[in-house]
Amino acid sequence: MNMSVLRTKRRRQVRTQSRFRYTDSNSGLNDFSCRTSFLLLLYEKGYGDTRRMTMKRFTKEGRTLVCFDFDETYFPHACSTEQLKQLRQLENFLEAHSQHLSTMWVTGSSLETIREKMTRAGMRYVPHRIAASLGTELYQVTASGQLELDTSFSSRFPHDFSGRVHQAVERLKRVLTIEPQMNLGTSEWMHNYYYFGESEAEIGLIRSAARDIGIAVNVSRCNPLAGDPEEAYDIDFIPQGAGKIAVVDYVCDRYSFQTEYAYAFGDSGNDLGMLRYVGNGYVLGNGTEEAKREHGRVTEGMYADGILEVLHRAVR
């Protein structure tokens, strides 16, 4: 699967010879306007890196949904030799059991940063679905290596979402300080900030500002291992009807997965809703103290080792 983008601010015609292509999963059309390369998809989203890489999806697909947070869950930021060895073992396991499992990354990262991290770790496979940008963009990866954007999912979001976020932020700036994040890439449906305070009252103001303007907000402790600052909170503004719980619910409903038999893995506070939504949700051993304290199921192993600890039992 070839993933690439152009470094330019000017639009120009882009060749569409990459095997990894983007389509609108609801249109069924094959013309250039709705069936184009992943290169053009990223280019139109404003991403700017010309590197390419070839990957493939897990070969088969089963009926048990397995959801993974990406950063510090599926992908270890340190990328140590031992961690990458365990990641290879996880990939081998998921490929060997792909006839039973349907896999999905549910992540706050954009497609751009996912691609960069996959390159760093030398990953060989992508899952059956990718819910990027905190569950605001849903893609299905076909067996032939094509990305299909599920426009039915995002069509429910308000067209003036960015304007609403601006209103909320301007209102909050009068009483507290939040700083925009730059490490997750760009997204139409997710605006990320850091809050460095400790005031429950101010966190309440953030939640109420979002609620009053008709958007959703996720507030959770940052995980420094994922590249976040110490002693900070993630403030993620997203449309109502988006987010990790919403996208897992949508996928289960649309593709008839049984929620009570589904699995999910995460490491931080913004994963807890997803972990509680499915029948088998686990915080990994490397998770934040907040997440491990608030969720009953915690693996002994860390990263891929913790995931395999659970999935080995599941396939017996």
C-alpha atoms as a PDB file:
ATOM      1  CA  MET A   1       0.000   0.000   0.000  1.00  0.00           C
ATOM      2  CA  ASN A   2       1.693   3.210  -1.111  1.00  0.00           C
ATOM      3  CA  MET A   3       1.180   6.185   1.165  1.00  0.00           C
ATOM      4  CA  SER A   4       2.578   9.517   0.015  1.00  0.00           C
ATOM      5  CA  VAL A   5       1.865  13.209  -0.212  1.00  0.00           C
ATOM      6  CA  LEU A   6       3.159  16.298  -2.021  1.00  0.00           C
ATOM      7  CA  ARG A   7       5.015  19.226  -0.429  1.00  0.00           C
ATOM      8  CA  THR A   8       3.182  22.153  -1.977  1.00  0.00           C
ATOM      9  CA  LYS A   9       0.487  24.654  -1.132  1.00  0.00           C
ATOM     10  CA  ARG A  10      -0.768  24.912  -4.680  1.00  0.00           C
ATOM     11  CA  ARG A  11      -3.204  22.402  -6.067  1.00  0.00           C
ATOM     12  CA  ARG A  12      -2.128  20.596  -9.150  1.00  0.00           C
ATOM     13  CA  GLN A  13      -2.984  17.391 -10.928  1.00  0.00           C
ATOM     14  CA  VAL A  14      -1.754  14.317  -9.080  1.00  0.00           C
ATOM     15  CA  ARG A  15      -1.091  10.962 -10.671  1.00  0.00           C
ATOM     16  CA  THR A  16      -3.155   8.124  -9.227  1.00  0.00           C
ATOM     17  CA  GLN A  17      -0.999   5.064  -9.741  1.00  0.00           C
ATOM     18  CA  SER A  18      -0.642   4.098  -6.084  1.00  0.00           C
ATOM     19  CA  ARG A  19      -2.141   0.745  -5.123  1.00  0.00           C
ATOM     20  CA  PHE A  20      -3.355   2.238  -1.859  1.00  0.00           C
ATOM     21  CA  ARG A  21      -6.362   4.258  -2.978  1.00  0.00           C
ATOM     22  CA  TYR A  22      -9.088   6.266  -1.350  1.00  0.00           C
ATOM     23  CA  THR A  23     -12.737   5.830  -2.259  1.00  0.00           C
ATOM     24  CA  ASP A  24     -16.083   6.975  -0.982  1.00  0.00           C
ATOM     25  CA  SER A  25     -17.581   3.808   0.441  1.00  0.00           C
ATOM     26  CA  ASN A  26     -21.107   5.082  -0.114  1.00  0.00           C
ATOM     27  CA  SER A  27     -20.888   6.261  -3.712  1.00  0.00           C
ATOM     28  CA  GLY A  28     -19.899   3.115  -5.584  1.00  0.00           C
ATOM     29  CA  LEU A  29     -18.499   5.332  -8.351  1.00  0.00           C
ATOM     30  CA  ASN A  30     -15.189   4.727 -10.096  1.00  0.00           C
ATOM     31  CA  ASP A  31     -14.392   8.103 -11.665  1.00  0.00           C
ATOM     32  CA  PHE A  32     -11.453  10.282 -10.644  1.00  0.00           C
ATOM     33  CA  SER A  33     -13.617  12.558  -8.510  1.00  0.00           C
ATOM     34  CA  CYS A  34     -14.376   9.869  -5.921  1.00  0.00           C
ATOM     35  CA  ARG A  35     -11.744   7.182  -6.524  1.00  0.00           C
ATOM     36  CA  THR A  36      -8.284   8.581  -6.108  1.00  0.00           C
ATOM     37  CA  SER A  37      -5.008   7.688  -4.484  1.00  0.00           C
ATOM     38  CA  PHE A  38      -4.151   7.943  -0.826  1.00  0.00           C
ATOM     39  CA  LEU A  39      -1.571  10.432  -2.060  1.00  0.00           C
ATOM     40  CA  LEU A  40      -4.325  12.773  -3.197  1.00  0.00           C
ATOM     41  CA  LEU A  41      -6.370  12.161  -0.066  1.00  0.00           C
ATOM     42  CA  LEU A  42      -3.521  13.351   2.145  1.00  0.00           C
ATOM     43  CA  TYR A  43      -2.637  16.154  -0.293  1.00  0.00           C
ATOM     44  CA  GLU A  44      -6.173  17.533  -0.177  1.00  0.00           C
ATOM     45  CA  LYS A  45      -6.137  17.326   3.631  1.00  0.00           C
ATOM     46  CA  GLY A  46      -3.048  19.549   3.642  1.00  0.00           C
ATOM     47  CA  TYR A  47      -0.423  16.940   4.534  1.00  0.00           C
ATOM     48  CA  GLY A  48       3.005  17.438   3.026  1.00  0.00           C
ATOM     49  CA  ASP A  49       5.459  14.543   3.002  1.00  0.00           C
ATOM     50  CA  THR A  50       6.672  12.854  -0.172  1.00  0.00           C
ATOM     51  CA  ARG A  51       7.838   9.600   1.424  1.00  0.00           C
ATOM     52  CA  ARG A  52       6.224   6.339   0.331  1.00  0.00           C
ATOM     53  CA  MET A  53       5.867   2.966   1.949  1.00  0.00           C
ATOM     54  CA  THR A  54       4.228  -0.312   1.011  1.00  0.00           C
ATOM     55  CA  MET A  55       2.048  -2.219   3.446  1.00  0.00           C
ATOM     56  CA  LYS A  56      -0.821  -4.657   3.371  1.00  0.00           C
ATOM     57  CA  ARG A  57      -3.944  -5.410   5.319  1.00  0.00           C
ATOM     58  CA  PHE A  58      -4.450  -8.537   7.397  1.00  0.00           C
ATOM     59  CA  THR A  59      -5.443 -11.159   4.847  1.00  0.00           C
ATOM     60  CA  LYS A  60      -8.807 -12.410   6.095  1.00  0.00           C
ATOM     61  CA  GLU A  61     -11.509 -10.938   8.332  1.00  0.00           C
ATOM     62  CA  GLY A  62     -13.505 -12.589  11.096  1.00  0.00           C
ATOM     63  CA  ARG A  63     -16.503 -11.696  13.221  1.00  0.00           C
ATOM     64  CA  THR A  64     -14.829 -10.725  16.501  1.00  0.00           C
ATOM     65  CA  LEU A  65     -14.063  -7.010  16.608  1.00  0.00           C
ATOM     66  CA  VAL A  66     -10.751  -6.025  18.236  1.00  0.00           C
ATOM     67  CA  CYS A  67     -10.136  -2.297  18.767  1.00  0.00           C
ATOM     68  CA  PHE A  68      -6.759  -0.786  19.598  1.00  0.00           C
ATOM     69  CA  ASP A  69      -5.828   2.671  20.695  1.00  0.00           C
ATOM     70  CA  PHE A  70      -2.688   3.469  18.688  1.00  0.00           C
ATOM     71  CA  ASP A  71      -0.249   5.654  20.644  1.00  0.00           C
ATOM     72  CA  GLU A  72       1.334   3.827  23.589  1.00  0.00           C
ATOM     73  CA  THR A  73      -0.991   0.868  23.006  1.00  0.00           C
ATOM     74  CA  TYR A  74      -0.393  -0.673  19.580  1.00  0.00           C
ATOM     75  CA  PHE A  75       2.519   1.657  18.804  1.00  0.00           C
ATOM     76  CA  PRO A  76       5.264   2.072  21.466  1.00  0.00           C
ATOM     77  CA  HIS A  77       6.801   5.522  21.146  1.00  0.00           C
ATOM     78  CA  ALA A  78      10.183   4.411  22.484  1.00  0.00           C
ATOM     79  CA  CYS A  79      10.445   1.765  19.728  1.00  0.00           C
ATOM     80  CA  SER A  80      12.968  -0.240  21.726  1.00  0.00           C
ATOM     81  CA  THR A  81      14.325  -3.468  20.277  1.00  0.00           C
ATOM     82  CA  GLU A  82      12.237  -5.570  22.661  1.00  0.00           C
ATOM     83  CA  GLN A  83       9.084  -3.547  22.032  1.00  0.00           C
ATOM     84  CA  LEU A  84       9.431  -3.882  18.268  1.00  0.00           C
ATOM     85  CA  LYS A  85      10.074  -7.613  18.626  1.00  0.00           C
ATOM     86  CA  GLN A  86       6.796  -7.923  20.530  1.00  0.00           C
ATOM     87  CA  LEU A  87       5.038  -5.796  17.911  1.00  0.00           C
ATOM     88  CA  ARG A  88       6.200  -8.226  15.192  1.00  0.00           C
ATOM     89  CA  GLN A  89       4.810 -11.079  17.281  1.00  0.00           C
ATOM     90  CA  LEU A  90       1.487  -9.251  17.578  1.00  0.00           C
ATOM     91  CA  GLU A  91       1.341  -8.666  13.826  1.00  0.00           C
ATOM     92  CA  ASN A  92       2.137 -12.333  13.189  1.00  0.00           C
ATOM     93  CA  PHE A  93      -0.600 -13.387  15.618  1.00  0.00           C
ATOM     94  CA  LEU A  94      -3.231 -11.101  14.087  1.00  0.00           C
ATOM     95  CA  GLU A  95      -2.373 -12.308  10.588  1.00  0.00           C
ATOM     96  CA  ALA A  96      -2.428 -15.972  11.642  1.00  0.00           C
ATOM     97  CA  HIS A  97      -5.865 -15.507  13.250  1.00  0.00           C
ATOM     98  CA  SER A  98      -7.284 -12.991  10.788  1.00  0.00           C
ATOM     99  CA  GLN A  99     -10.059 -15.419   9.829  1.00  0.00           C
ATOM    100  CA  HIS A 100     -11.485 -14.928  13.335  1.00  0.00           C
ATOM    101  CA  LEU A 101     -10.713 -11.254  14.025  1.00  0.00           C
ATOM    102  CA  SER A 102     -11.684  -7.878  12.590  1.00  0.00           C
ATOM    103  CA  THR A 103      -9.192  -5.246  13.703  1.00  0.00           C
ATOM    104  CA  MET A 104      -9.522  -1.480  14.064  1.00  0.00           C
ATOM    105  CA  TRP A 105      -7.231   1.303  15.245  1.00  0.00           C
ATOM    106  CA  VAL A 106      -9.200   3.923  17.193  1.00  0.00           C
ATOM    107  CA  THR A 107      -6.804   6.791  17.683  1.00  0.00           C
ATOM    108  CA  GLY A 108      -6.423  10.474  18.337  1.00  0.00           C
ATOM    109  CA  SER A 109      -3.717  10.643  15.681  1.00  0.00           C
ATOM    110  CA  SER A 110      -4.339  11.820  12.131  1.00  0.00           C
ATOM    111  CA  LEU A 111      -3.592   9.653   9.098  1.00  0.00           C
ATOM    112  CA  GLU A 112      -0.449  11.701   8.563  1.00  0.00           C
ATOM    113  CA  THR A 113       1.039  10.941  11.961  1.00  0.00           C
ATOM    114  CA  ILE A 114      -0.128   7.311  11.856  1.00  0.00           C
ATOM    115  CA  ARG A 115       1.847   6.875   8.649  1.00  0.00           C
ATOM    116  CA  GLU A 116       4.951   8.444  10.169  1.00  0.00           C
ATOM    117  CA  LYS A 117       4.776   6.200  13.238  1.00  0.00           C
ATOM    118  CA  MET A 118       4.230   3.063  11.168  1.00  0.00           C
ATOM    119  CA  THR A 119       7.387   3.935   9.253  1.00  0.00           C
ATOM    120  CA  ARG A 120       9.348   4.393  12.500  1.00  0.00           C
ATOM    121  CA  ALA A 121       8.250   1.002  13.795  1.00  0.00           C
ATOM    122  CA  GLY A 122       8.583  -0.805  10.470  1.00  0.00           C
ATOM    123  CA  MET A 123       5.031  -2.105  10.678  1.00  0.00           C
ATOM    124  CA  ARG A 124       4.024  -4.571   7.987  1.00  0.00           C
ATOM    125  CA  TYR A 125       0.238  -4.616   8.295  1.00  0.00           C
ATOM    126  CA  VAL A 126      -2.684  -2.257   8.695  1.00  0.00           C
ATOM    127  CA  PRO A 127      -5.996  -3.265  10.296  1.00  0.00           C
ATOM    128  CA  HIS A 128      -9.360  -3.703   8.621  1.00  0.00           C
ATOM    129  CA  ARG A 129     -10.488  -0.241   9.734  1.00  0.00           C
ATOM    130  CA  ILE A 130      -8.889   2.967  10.948  1.00  0.00           C
ATOM    131  CA  ALA A 131     -10.842   5.443  13.071  1.00  0.00           C
ATOM    132  CA  ALA A 132      -8.477   8.415  12.981  1.00  0.00           C
ATOM    133  CA  SER A 133      -8.488  11.826  14.643  1.00  0.00           C
ATOM    134  CA  LEU A 134     -10.236  10.651  17.819  1.00  0.00           C
ATOM    135  CA  GLY A 135     -12.944   8.733  16.023  1.00  0.00           C
ATOM    136  CA  THR A 136     -13.977  11.559  13.703  1.00  0.00           C
ATOM    137  CA  GLU A 137     -12.728   9.982  10.452  1.00  0.00           C
ATOM    138  CA  LEU A 138     -13.609   6.356   9.708  1.00  0.00           C
ATOM    139  CA  TYR A 139     -11.864   4.399   6.955  1.00  0.00           C
ATOM    140  CA  GLN A 140     -12.212   0.801   5.863  1.00  0.00           C
ATOM    141  CA  VAL A 141      -9.141  -0.849   4.350  1.00  0.00           C
ATOM    142  CA  THR A 142     -10.104  -3.291   1.626  1.00  0.00           C
ATOM    143  CA  ALA A 143      -8.291  -6.545   0.863  1.00  0.00           C
ATOM    144  CA  SER A 144      -6.731  -4.868  -2.185  1.00  0.00           C
ATOM    145  CA  GLY A 145      -5.253  -2.060  -0.114  1.00  0.00           C
ATOM    146  CA  GLN A 146      -7.799   0.697  -0.709  1.00  0.00           C
ATOM    147  CA  LEU A 147      -8.991   3.183   1.887  1.00  0.00           C
ATOM    148  CA  GLU A 148     -12.731   3.751   1.865  1.00  0.00           C
ATOM    149  CA  LEU A 149     -13.907   6.842   3.707  1.00  0.00           C
ATOM    150  CA  ASP A 150     -17.249   6.252   5.397  1.00  0.00           C
ATOM    151  CA  THR A 151     -18.985   9.526   4.615  1.00  0.00           C
ATOM    152  CA  SER A 152     -22.215   8.370   6.275  1.00  0.00           C
ATOM    153  CA  PHE A 153     -20.441   8.562   9.620  1.00  0.00           C
ATOM    154  CA  SER A 154     -19.079  12.082   9.189  1.00  0.00           C
ATOM    155  CA  SER A 155     -22.190  13.418   7.406  1.00  0.00           C
ATOM    156  CA  ARG A 156     -23.836  13.734  10.827  1.00  0.00           C
ATOM    157  CA  PHE A 157     -21.358  16.394  11.962  1.00  0.00           C
ATOM    158  CA  PRO A 158     -22.221  20.144  11.774  1.00  0.00           C
ATOM    159  CA  HIS A 159     -20.690  22.045   8.863  1.00  0.00           C
ATOM    160  CA  ASP A 160     -19.800  24.949  11.157  1.00  0.00           C
ATOM    161  CA  PHE A 161     -17.875  22.807  13.651  1.00  0.00           C
ATOM    162  CA  SER A 162     -14.605  24.779  13.387  1.00  0.00           C
ATOM    163  CA  GLY A 163     -16.486  28.009  13.988  1.00  0.00           C
ATOM    164  CA  ARG A 164     -18.083  26.547  17.090  1.00  0.00           C
ATOM    165  CA  VAL A 165     -14.686  25.510  18.451  1.00  0.00           C
ATOM    166  CA  HIS A 166     -13.397  29.038  17.839  1.00  0.00           C
ATOM    167  CA  GLN A 167     -16.314  30.439  19.833  1.00  0.00           C
ATOM    168  CA  ALA A 168     -15.634  28.060  22.726  1.00  0.00           C
ATOM    169  CA  VAL A 169     -11.900  28.811  22.783  1.00  0.00           C
ATOM    170  CA  GLU A 170     -12.422  32.581  22.663  1.00  0.00           C
ATOM    171  CA  ARG A 171     -14.865  32.304  25.547  1.00  0.00           C
ATOM    172  CA  LEU A 172     -12.420  30.213  27.594  1.00  0.00           C
ATOM    173  CA  LYS A 173      -9.461  32.506  26.937  1.00  0.00           C
ATOM    174  CA  ARG A 174     -11.152  35.152  29.068  1.00  0.00           C
ATOM    175  CA  VAL A 175     -10.881  33.008  32.208  1.00  0.00           C
ATOM    176  CA  LEU A 176      -8.146  30.385  31.691  1.00  0.00           C
ATOM    177  CA  THR A 177      -5.261  29.340  29.449  1.00  0.00           C
ATOM    178  CA  ILE A 178      -5.350  26.516  26.919  1.00  0.00           C
ATOM    179  CA  GLU A 179      -2.673  26.020  24.274  1.00  0.00           C
ATOM    180  CA  PRO A 180      -3.153  24.434  20.831  1.00  0.00           C
ATOM    181  CA  GLN A 181      -1.476  21.077  20.219  1.00  0.00           C
ATOM    182  CA  MET A 182       0.715  20.655  17.164  1.00  0.00           C
ATOM    183  CA  ASN A 183       1.729  16.977  17.434  1.00  0.00           C
ATOM    184  CA  LEU A 184      -1.364  15.148  16.158  1.00  0.00           C
ATOM    185  CA  GLY A 185      -1.509  16.492  12.616  1.00  0.00           C
ATOM    186  CA  THR A 186      -4.397  18.379  11.091  1.00  0.00           C
ATOM    187  CA  SER A 187      -8.016  17.315  11.101  1.00  0.00           C
ATOM    188  CA  GLU A 188     -11.259  18.901   9.989  1.00  0.00           C
ATOM    189  CA  TRP A 189     -13.199  17.375  12.869  1.00  0.00           C
ATOM    190  CA  MET A 190     -10.774  17.451  15.802  1.00  0.00           C
ATOM    191  CA  HIS A 191      -9.189  20.478  17.483  1.00  0.00           C
ATOM    192  CA  ASN A 192      -6.691  19.696  20.242  1.00  0.00           C
ATOM    193  CA  TYR A 193      -5.458  21.831  23.123  1.00  0.00           C
ATOM    194  CA  TYR A 194      -3.458  21.432  26.338  1.00  0.00           C
ATOM    195  CA  TYR A 195      -4.668  22.641  29.710  1.00  0.00           C
ATOM    196  CA  PHE A 196      -1.877  22.978  32.292  1.00  0.00           C
ATOM    197  CA  GLY A 197      -3.947  23.768  35.368  1.00  0.00           C
ATOM    198  CA  GLU A 198      -5.302  21.553  38.134  1.00  0.00           C
ATOM    199  CA  SER A 199      -8.593  23.301  38.822  1.00  0.00           C
ATOM    200  CA  GLU A 200     -11.683  21.105  38.680  1.00  0.00           C
ATOM    201  CA  ALA A 201     -13.704  24.302  38.369  1.00  0.00           C
ATOM    202  CA  GLU A 202     -11.786  25.333  35.239  1.00  0.00           C
ATOM    203  CA  ILE A 203     -12.159  21.853  33.743  1.00  0.00           C
ATOM    204  CA  GLY A 204     -15.870  22.239  34.396  1.00  0.00           C
ATOM    205  CA  LEU A 205     -15.816  25.544  32.501  1.00  0.00           C
ATOM    206  CA  ILE A 206     -14.186  23.802  29.526  1.00  0.00           C
ATOM    207  CA  ARG A 207     -16.899  21.146  29.488  1.00  0.00           C
ATOM    208  CA  SER A 208     -19.721  23.667  29.843  1.00  0.00           C
ATOM    209  CA  ALA A 209     -18.336  25.944  27.106  1.00  0.00           C
ATOM    210  CA  ALA A 210     -18.354  23.014  24.680  1.00  0.00           C
ATOM    211  CA  ARG A 211     -21.812  21.886  25.764  1.00  0.00           C
ATOM    212  CA  ASP A 212     -23.304  25.374  25.440  1.00  0.00           C
ATOM    213  CA  ILE A 213     -22.070  25.734  21.859  1.00  0.00           C
ATOM    214  CA  GLY A 214     -23.176  22.250  20.804  1.00  0.00           C
ATOM    215  CA  ILE A 215     -19.881  20.377  20.486  1.00  0.00           C
ATOM    216  CA  ALA A 216     -18.272  17.570  22.480  1.00  0.00           C
ATOM    217  CA  VAL A 217     -15.003  17.691  24.387  1.00  0.00           C
ATOM    218  CA  ASN A 218     -12.769  14.960  25.732  1.00  0.00           C
ATOM    219  CA  VAL A 219     -10.703  15.865  28.796  1.00  0.00           C
ATOM    220  CA  SER A 220      -8.057  13.423  30.019  1.00  0.00           C
ATOM    221  CA  ARG A 221      -4.642  13.370  31.662  1.00  0.00           C
ATOM    222  CA  CYS A 222      -1.779  13.525  29.180  1.00  0.00           C
ATOM    223  CA  ASN A 223       0.579  10.587  28.779  1.00  0.00           C
ATOM    224  CA  PRO A 224       4.159  11.929  28.539  1.00  0.00           C
ATOM    225  CA  LEU A 225       5.300   8.633  26.987  1.00  0.00           C
ATOM    226  CA  ALA A 226       3.136   9.501  23.973  1.00  0.00           C
ATOM    227  CA  GLY A 227       4.955  12.797  23.515  1.00  0.00           C
ATOM    228  CA  ASP A 228       2.678  14.950  25.663  1.00  0.00           C
ATOM    229  CA  PRO A 229       3.942  17.417  28.287  1.00  0.00           C
ATOM    230  CA  GLU A 230       4.063  16.578  31.983  1.00  0.00           C
ATOM    231  CA  GLU A 231       1.278  17.722  34.301  1.00  0.00           C
ATOM    232  CA  ALA A 232      -1.153  18.598  31.520  1.00  0.00           C
ATOM    233  CA  TYR A 233      -4.575  17.611  30.263  1.00  0.00           C
ATOM    234  CA  ASP A 234      -5.591  16.780  26.707  1.00  0.00           C
ATOM    235  CA  ILE A 235      -8.529  18.948  25.634  1.00  0.00           C
ATOM    236  CA  ASP A 236      -9.991  17.482  22.443  1.00  0.00           C
ATOM    237  CA  PHE A 237     -12.920  19.278  20.818  1.00  0.00           C
ATOM    238  CA  ILE A 238     -14.914  17.022  18.471  1.00  0.00           C
ATOM    239  CA  PRO A 239     -18.442  17.071  17.008  1.00  0.00           C
ATOM    240  CA  GLN A 240     -21.277  15.602  19.015  1.00  0.00           C
ATOM    241  CA  GLY A 241     -21.791  12.043  17.764  1.00  0.00           C
ATOM    242  CA  ALA A 242     -18.049  11.529  17.215  1.00  0.00           C
ATOM    243  CA  GLY A 243     -15.383  10.027  19.453  1.00  0.00           C
ATOM    244  CA  LYS A 244     -14.091   6.592  20.335  1.00  0.00           C
ATOM    245  CA  ILE A 245     -17.315   5.255  21.828  1.00  0.00           C
ATOM    246  CA  ALA A 246     -19.422   6.629  18.982  1.00  0.00           C
ATOM    247  CA  VAL A 247     -17.271   5.169  16.215  1.00  0.00           C
ATOM    248  CA  VAL A 248     -17.092   1.725  17.848  1.00  0.00           C
ATOM    249  CA  ASP A 249     -20.874   1.789  18.318  1.00  0.00           C
ATOM    250  CA  TYR A 250     -21.331   2.788  14.668  1.00  0.00           C
ATOM    251  CA  VAL A 251     -19.049   0.023  13.385  1.00  0.00           C
ATOM    252  CA  CYS A 252     -20.723  -2.612  15.560  1.00  0.00           C
ATOM    253  CA  ASP A 253     -24.152  -1.524  14.336  1.00  0.00           C
ATOM    254  CA  ARG A 254     -23.284  -1.159  10.656  1.00  0.00           C
ATOM    255  CA  TYR A 255     -21.266  -4.370  10.357  1.00  0.00           C
ATOM    256  CA  SER A 256     -23.245  -6.432  12.900  1.00  0.00           C
ATOM    257  CA  PHE A 257     -20.439  -7.098  15.371  1.00  0.00           C
ATOM    258  CA  GLN A 258     -21.591  -8.305  18.786  1.00  0.00           C
ATOM    259  CA  THR A 259     -20.453  -5.701  21.284  1.00  0.00           C
ATOM    260  CA  GLU A 260     -20.393  -8.106  24.221  1.00  0.00           C
ATOM    261  CA  TYR A 261     -17.819 -10.280  22.426  1.00  0.00           C
ATOM    262  CA  ALA A 262     -15.673  -7.388  21.165  1.00  0.00           C
ATOM    263  CA  TYR A 263     -12.239  -6.520  22.586  1.00  0.00           C
ATOM    264  CA  ALA A 264     -10.576  -3.157  23.118  1.00  0.00           C
ATOM    265  CA  PHE A 265      -7.165  -2.078  24.411  1.00  0.00           C
ATOM    266  CA  GLY A 266      -5.956   1.305  25.608  1.00  0.00           C
ATOM    267  CA  ASP A 267      -3.522   3.090  27.888  1.00  0.00           C
ATOM    268  CA  SER A 268      -5.058   6.377  29.019  1.00  0.00           C
ATOM    269  CA  GLY A 269      -8.147   8.140  30.264  1.00  0.00           C
ATOM    270  CA  ASN A 270      -9.538   8.911  26.827  1.00  0.00           C
ATOM    271  CA  ASP A 271      -9.751   5.155  26.137  1.00  0.00           C
ATOM    272  CA  LEU A 272     -11.874   4.280  29.163  1.00  0.00           C
ATOM    273  CA  GLY A 273     -15.246   4.875  27.529  1.00  0.00           C
ATOM    274  CA  MET A 274     -14.335   2.572  24.644  1.00  0.00           C
ATOM    275  CA  LEU A 275     -12.988  -0.080  27.013  1.00  0.00           C
ATOM    276  CA  ARG A 276     -16.197  -0.030  29.039  1.00  0.00           C
ATOM    277  CA  TYR A 277     -18.410  -0.082  25.959  1.00  0.00           C
ATOM    278  CA  VAL A 278     -17.209  -3.486  24.727  1.00  0.00           C
ATOM    279  CA  GLY A 279     -17.448  -6.752  26.603  1.00  0.00           C
ATOM    280  CA  ASN A 280     -13.687  -7.192  26.918  1.00  0.00           C
ATOM    281  CA  GLY A 281     -11.853  -3.924  27.488  1.00  0.00           C
ATOM    282  CA  TYR A 282      -8.331  -3.780  28.955  1.00  0.00           C
ATOM    283  CA  VAL A 283      -5.916  -1.100  30.096  1.00  0.00           C
ATOM    284  CA  LEU A 284      -2.367  -2.216  29.309  1.00  0.00           C
ATOM    285  CA  GLY A 285       0.284  -2.562  31.998  1.00  0.00           C
ATOM    286  CA  ASN A 286       2.048   0.531  30.655  1.00  0.00           C
ATOM    287  CA  GLY A 287      -1.119   2.624  30.993  1.00  0.00           C
ATOM    288  CA  THR A 288      -1.409   5.834  32.959  1.00  0.00           C
ATOM    289  CA  GLU A 289      -2.081   5.605  36.677  1.00  0.00           C
ATOM    290  CA  GLU A 290      -5.409   7.340  36.076  1.00  0.00           C
ATOM    291  CA  ALA A 291      -6.533   4.709  33.583  1.00  0.00           C
ATOM    292  CA  LYS A 292      -5.346   1.747  35.666  1.00  0.00           C
ATOM    293  CA  ARG A 293      -6.983   3.154  38.769  1.00  0.00           C
ATOM    294  CA  GLU A 294     -10.363   3.726  37.113  1.00  0.00           C
ATOM    295  CA  HIS A 295     -10.631   0.507  35.087  1.00  0.00           C
ATOM    296  CA  GLY A 296     -10.867  -2.929  36.615  1.00  0.00           C
ATOM    297  CA  ARG A 297      -9.132  -4.919  33.884  1.00  0.00           C
ATOM    298  CA  VAL A 298      -5.391  -4.275  33.582  1.00  0.00           C
ATOM    299  CA  THR A 299      -2.937  -6.577  31.810  1.00  0.00           C
ATOM    300  CA  GLU A 300       0.312  -7.662  33.403  1.00  0.00           C
ATOM    301  CA  GLY A 301       2.217  -7.157  30.155  1.00  0.00           C
ATOM    302  CA  MET A 302       2.934  -3.852  28.470  1.00  0.00           C
ATOM    303  CA  TYR A 303       2.210  -2.784  24.882  1.00  0.00           C
ATOM    304  CA  ALA A 304       1.963  -5.716  22.431  1.00  0.00           C
ATOM    305  CA  ASP A 305       2.883  -8.178  25.167  1.00  0.00           C
ATOM    306  CA  GLY A 306      -0.186  -7.138  27.161  1.00  0.00           C
ATOM    307  CA  ILE A 307      -2.428  -7.390  24.099  1.00  0.00           C
ATOM    308  CA  LEU A 308      -1.156 -10.877  23.295  1.00  0.00           C
ATOM    309  CA  GLU A 309      -1.664 -11.896  26.926  1.00  0.00           C
ATOM    310  CA  VAL A 310      -5.410 -11.396  26.391  1.00  0.00           C
ATOM    311  CA  LEU A 311      -5.788 -12.499  22.773  1.00  0.00           C
ATOM    312  CA  HIS A 312      -3.934 -15.776  23.281  1.00  0.00           C
ATOM    313  CA  ARG A 313      -6.579 -16.686  25.861  1.00  0.00           C
ATOM    314  CA  ALA A 314      -9.363 -15.507  23.577  1.00  0.00           C
ATOM    315  CA  VAL A 315      -8.510 -17.842  20.693  1.00  0.00           C
ATOM    316  CA  ARG A 316      -8.025 -20.984  22.787  1.00  0.00           C
END
